[in-house]
Each structure stands twice: as C-alpha cells, then as structure tokens.
Amino acid sequence: MTPERAERLCREEAGLADGVRGTVGIGVGSGGPAGKAKITVTNRIFDPQSEAEFMAECIARRLEGRPAPTTAGITIGGSL
C-alpha cells in the first residue's frame, strides 16, 4: 500500500468522519417534478473527527495494515 493509494481510499470514507452525511436531489422528468433525499447517521456522531483528523488516522491505519474500526449506522431516504 502506497501513501497515495491510502489517501485515495480514505478520501472515499472521509464524508462520514463526523458521523453524518446527507444528499438532496431535485429534477424534472417526463413524469413531472421529482425529488429525493437521503441521510446517513453512524455511531461516529458520538465521537466526531474533523476531516484532517480522520484522514491522518485512516492513512496511518491503512499503511500499517490495521482493519477499519467497526461502525454502525442507519440510512433513511425518500423520493417524491
């Protein structure tokens, strides 16, 4: 594992460093207006990290070959 590859892999995970991630989408299609929303909350919300803290820990963990910490969460979404 190179530091560059570890950083690339960690960037994909960094969105949940603080325990919350959400998305919202709107558009218009042949059926008229449409929208959707989704929020994910994990147990990291109880011990949030800044993106910089998360990246430093994640890169070090990957370079040392340690497994990712176990997280649990819930995703709620809906469409209009």
C-alpha atoms as a PDB file:
ATOM      1  CA  MET A   1       0.000   0.000   0.000  1.00  0.00           C
ATOM      2  CA  THR A   2       1.437   3.345  -1.026  1.00  0.00           C
ATOM      3  CA  PRO A   3       0.663   6.573   0.823  1.00  0.00           C
ATOM      4  CA  GLU A   4      -1.014   7.896  -2.344  1.00  0.00           C
ATOM      5  CA  ARG A   5      -3.328   4.871  -2.621  1.00  0.00           C
ATOM      6  CA  ALA A   6      -4.129   5.024   1.107  1.00  0.00           C
ATOM      7  CA  GLU A   7      -5.057   8.702   0.767  1.00  0.00           C
ATOM      8  CA  ARG A   8      -7.277   7.997  -2.248  1.00  0.00           C
ATOM      9  CA  LEU A   9      -9.122   5.202  -0.407  1.00  0.00           C
ATOM     10  CA  CYS A  10      -9.511   7.312   2.733  1.00  0.00           C
ATOM     11  CA  ARG A  11     -10.954  10.264   0.780  1.00  0.00           C
ATOM     12  CA  GLU A  12     -13.869   7.997  -0.175  1.00  0.00           C
ATOM     13  CA  GLU A  13     -14.606   7.381   3.531  1.00  0.00           C
ATOM     14  CA  ALA A  14     -13.981  10.918   4.817  1.00  0.00           C
ATOM     15  CA  GLY A  15     -17.559  12.062   4.241  1.00  0.00           C
ATOM     16  CA  LEU A  16     -18.656  10.220   7.366  1.00  0.00           C
ATOM     17  CA  ALA A  17     -15.830  11.442   9.631  1.00  0.00           C
ATOM     18  CA  ASP A  18     -18.316  13.399  11.749  1.00  0.00           C
ATOM     19  CA  GLY A  19     -20.984  10.685  11.670  1.00  0.00           C
ATOM     20  CA  VAL A  20     -23.492  12.386   9.364  1.00  0.00           C
ATOM     21  CA  ARG A  21     -23.851  12.534   5.587  1.00  0.00           C
ATOM     22  CA  GLY A  22     -26.807  13.665   3.504  1.00  0.00           C
ATOM     23  CA  THR A  23     -27.839  14.166  -0.095  1.00  0.00           C
ATOM     24  CA  VAL A  24     -30.690  16.000  -1.770  1.00  0.00           C
ATOM     25  CA  GLY A  25     -31.688  15.833  -5.414  1.00  0.00           C
ATOM     26  CA  ILE A  26     -34.342  17.571  -7.491  1.00  0.00           C
ATOM     27  CA  GLY A  27     -35.224  17.416 -11.145  1.00  0.00           C
ATOM     28  CA  VAL A  28     -37.886  17.351 -13.800  1.00  0.00           C
ATOM     29  CA  GLY A  29     -38.606  14.341 -15.954  1.00  0.00           C
ATOM     30  CA  SER A  30     -41.312  13.086 -18.275  1.00  0.00           C
ATOM     31  CA  GLY A  31     -43.472  12.371 -15.207  1.00  0.00           C
ATOM     32  CA  GLY A  32     -43.100  15.925 -13.875  1.00  0.00           C
ATOM     33  CA  PRO A  33     -41.052  17.236 -10.958  1.00  0.00           C
ATOM     34  CA  ALA A  34     -39.137  14.744  -8.826  1.00  0.00           C
ATOM     35  CA  GLY A  35     -37.039  14.903  -5.717  1.00  0.00           C
ATOM     36  CA  LYS A  36     -35.206  12.656  -3.303  1.00  0.00           C
ATOM     37  CA  ALA A  37     -33.326  12.971  -0.052  1.00  0.00           C
ATOM     38  CA  LYS A  38     -31.147  10.639   1.997  1.00  0.00           C
ATOM     39  CA  ILE A  39     -29.366  10.987   5.328  1.00  0.00           C
ATOM     40  CA  THR A  40     -26.918   8.574   6.929  1.00  0.00           C
ATOM     41  CA  VAL A  41     -26.078   8.711  10.631  1.00  0.00           C
ATOM     42  CA  THR A  42     -23.440   6.447  12.198  1.00  0.00           C
ATOM     43  CA  ASN A  43     -22.095   5.876  15.676  1.00  0.00           C
ATOM     44  CA  ARG A  44     -19.221   8.263  14.831  1.00  0.00           C
ATOM     45  CA  ILE A  45     -21.637  11.078  15.679  1.00  0.00           C
ATOM     46  CA  PHE A  46     -20.773  10.402  19.351  1.00  0.00           C
ATOM     47  CA  ASP A  47     -17.023  10.892  18.706  1.00  0.00           C
ATOM     48  CA  PRO A  48     -16.749  13.068  15.576  1.00  0.00           C
ATOM     49  CA  GLN A  49     -13.456  13.891  13.891  1.00  0.00           C
ATOM     50  CA  SER A  50     -12.508  16.696  11.561  1.00  0.00           C
ATOM     51  CA  GLU A  51     -11.707  15.590   8.030  1.00  0.00           C
ATOM     52  CA  ALA A  52      -7.998  16.256   8.680  1.00  0.00           C
ATOM     53  CA  GLU A  53      -8.005  14.109  11.848  1.00  0.00           C
ATOM     54  CA  PHE A  54      -9.875  11.336  10.059  1.00  0.00           C
ATOM     55  CA  MET A  55      -7.508  11.387   7.078  1.00  0.00           C
ATOM     56  CA  ALA A  56      -4.374  11.234   9.256  1.00  0.00           C
ATOM     57  CA  GLU A  57      -5.739   8.293  11.276  1.00  0.00           C
ATOM     58  CA  CYS A  58      -7.092   6.490   8.213  1.00  0.00           C
ATOM     59  CA  ILE A  59      -3.877   6.785   6.184  1.00  0.00           C
ATOM     60  CA  ALA A  60      -1.751   5.604   9.125  1.00  0.00           C
ATOM     61  CA  ARG A  61      -4.129   2.686   9.723  1.00  0.00           C
ATOM     62  CA  ARG A  62      -4.063   1.615   6.076  1.00  0.00           C
ATOM     63  CA  LEU A  63      -0.273   1.895   5.821  1.00  0.00           C
ATOM     64  CA  GLU A  64       0.110  -0.262   8.952  1.00  0.00           C
ATOM     65  CA  GLY A  65      -2.393  -2.810   7.613  1.00  0.00           C
ATOM     66  CA  ARG A  66      -4.819  -2.436  10.530  1.00  0.00           C
ATOM     67  CA  PRO A  67      -8.532  -3.082   9.915  1.00  0.00           C
ATOM     68  CA  ALA A  68     -11.082  -0.290   9.840  1.00  0.00           C
ATOM     69  CA  PRO A  69     -12.943   0.324  13.096  1.00  0.00           C
ATOM     70  CA  THR A  70     -16.407  -1.173  13.254  1.00  0.00           C
ATOM     71  CA  THR A  71     -19.183   1.348  12.742  1.00  0.00           C
ATOM     72  CA  ALA A  72     -22.936   1.020  12.856  1.00  0.00           C
ATOM     73  CA  GLY A  73     -25.470   3.358  11.380  1.00  0.00           C
ATOM     74  CA  ILE A  74     -28.758   3.928   9.663  1.00  0.00           C
ATOM     75  CA  THR A  75     -29.684   5.402   6.293  1.00  0.00           C
ATOM     76  CA  ILE A  76     -33.091   6.963   5.719  1.00  0.00           C
ATOM     77  CA  GLY A  77     -34.220   8.130   2.309  1.00  0.00           C
ATOM     78  CA  GLY A  78     -37.292   9.004   0.354  1.00  0.00           C
ATOM     79  CA  SER A  79     -38.462  10.113  -3.075  1.00  0.00           C
ATOM     80  CA  LEU A  80     -41.233  12.416  -4.214  1.00  0.00           C
END
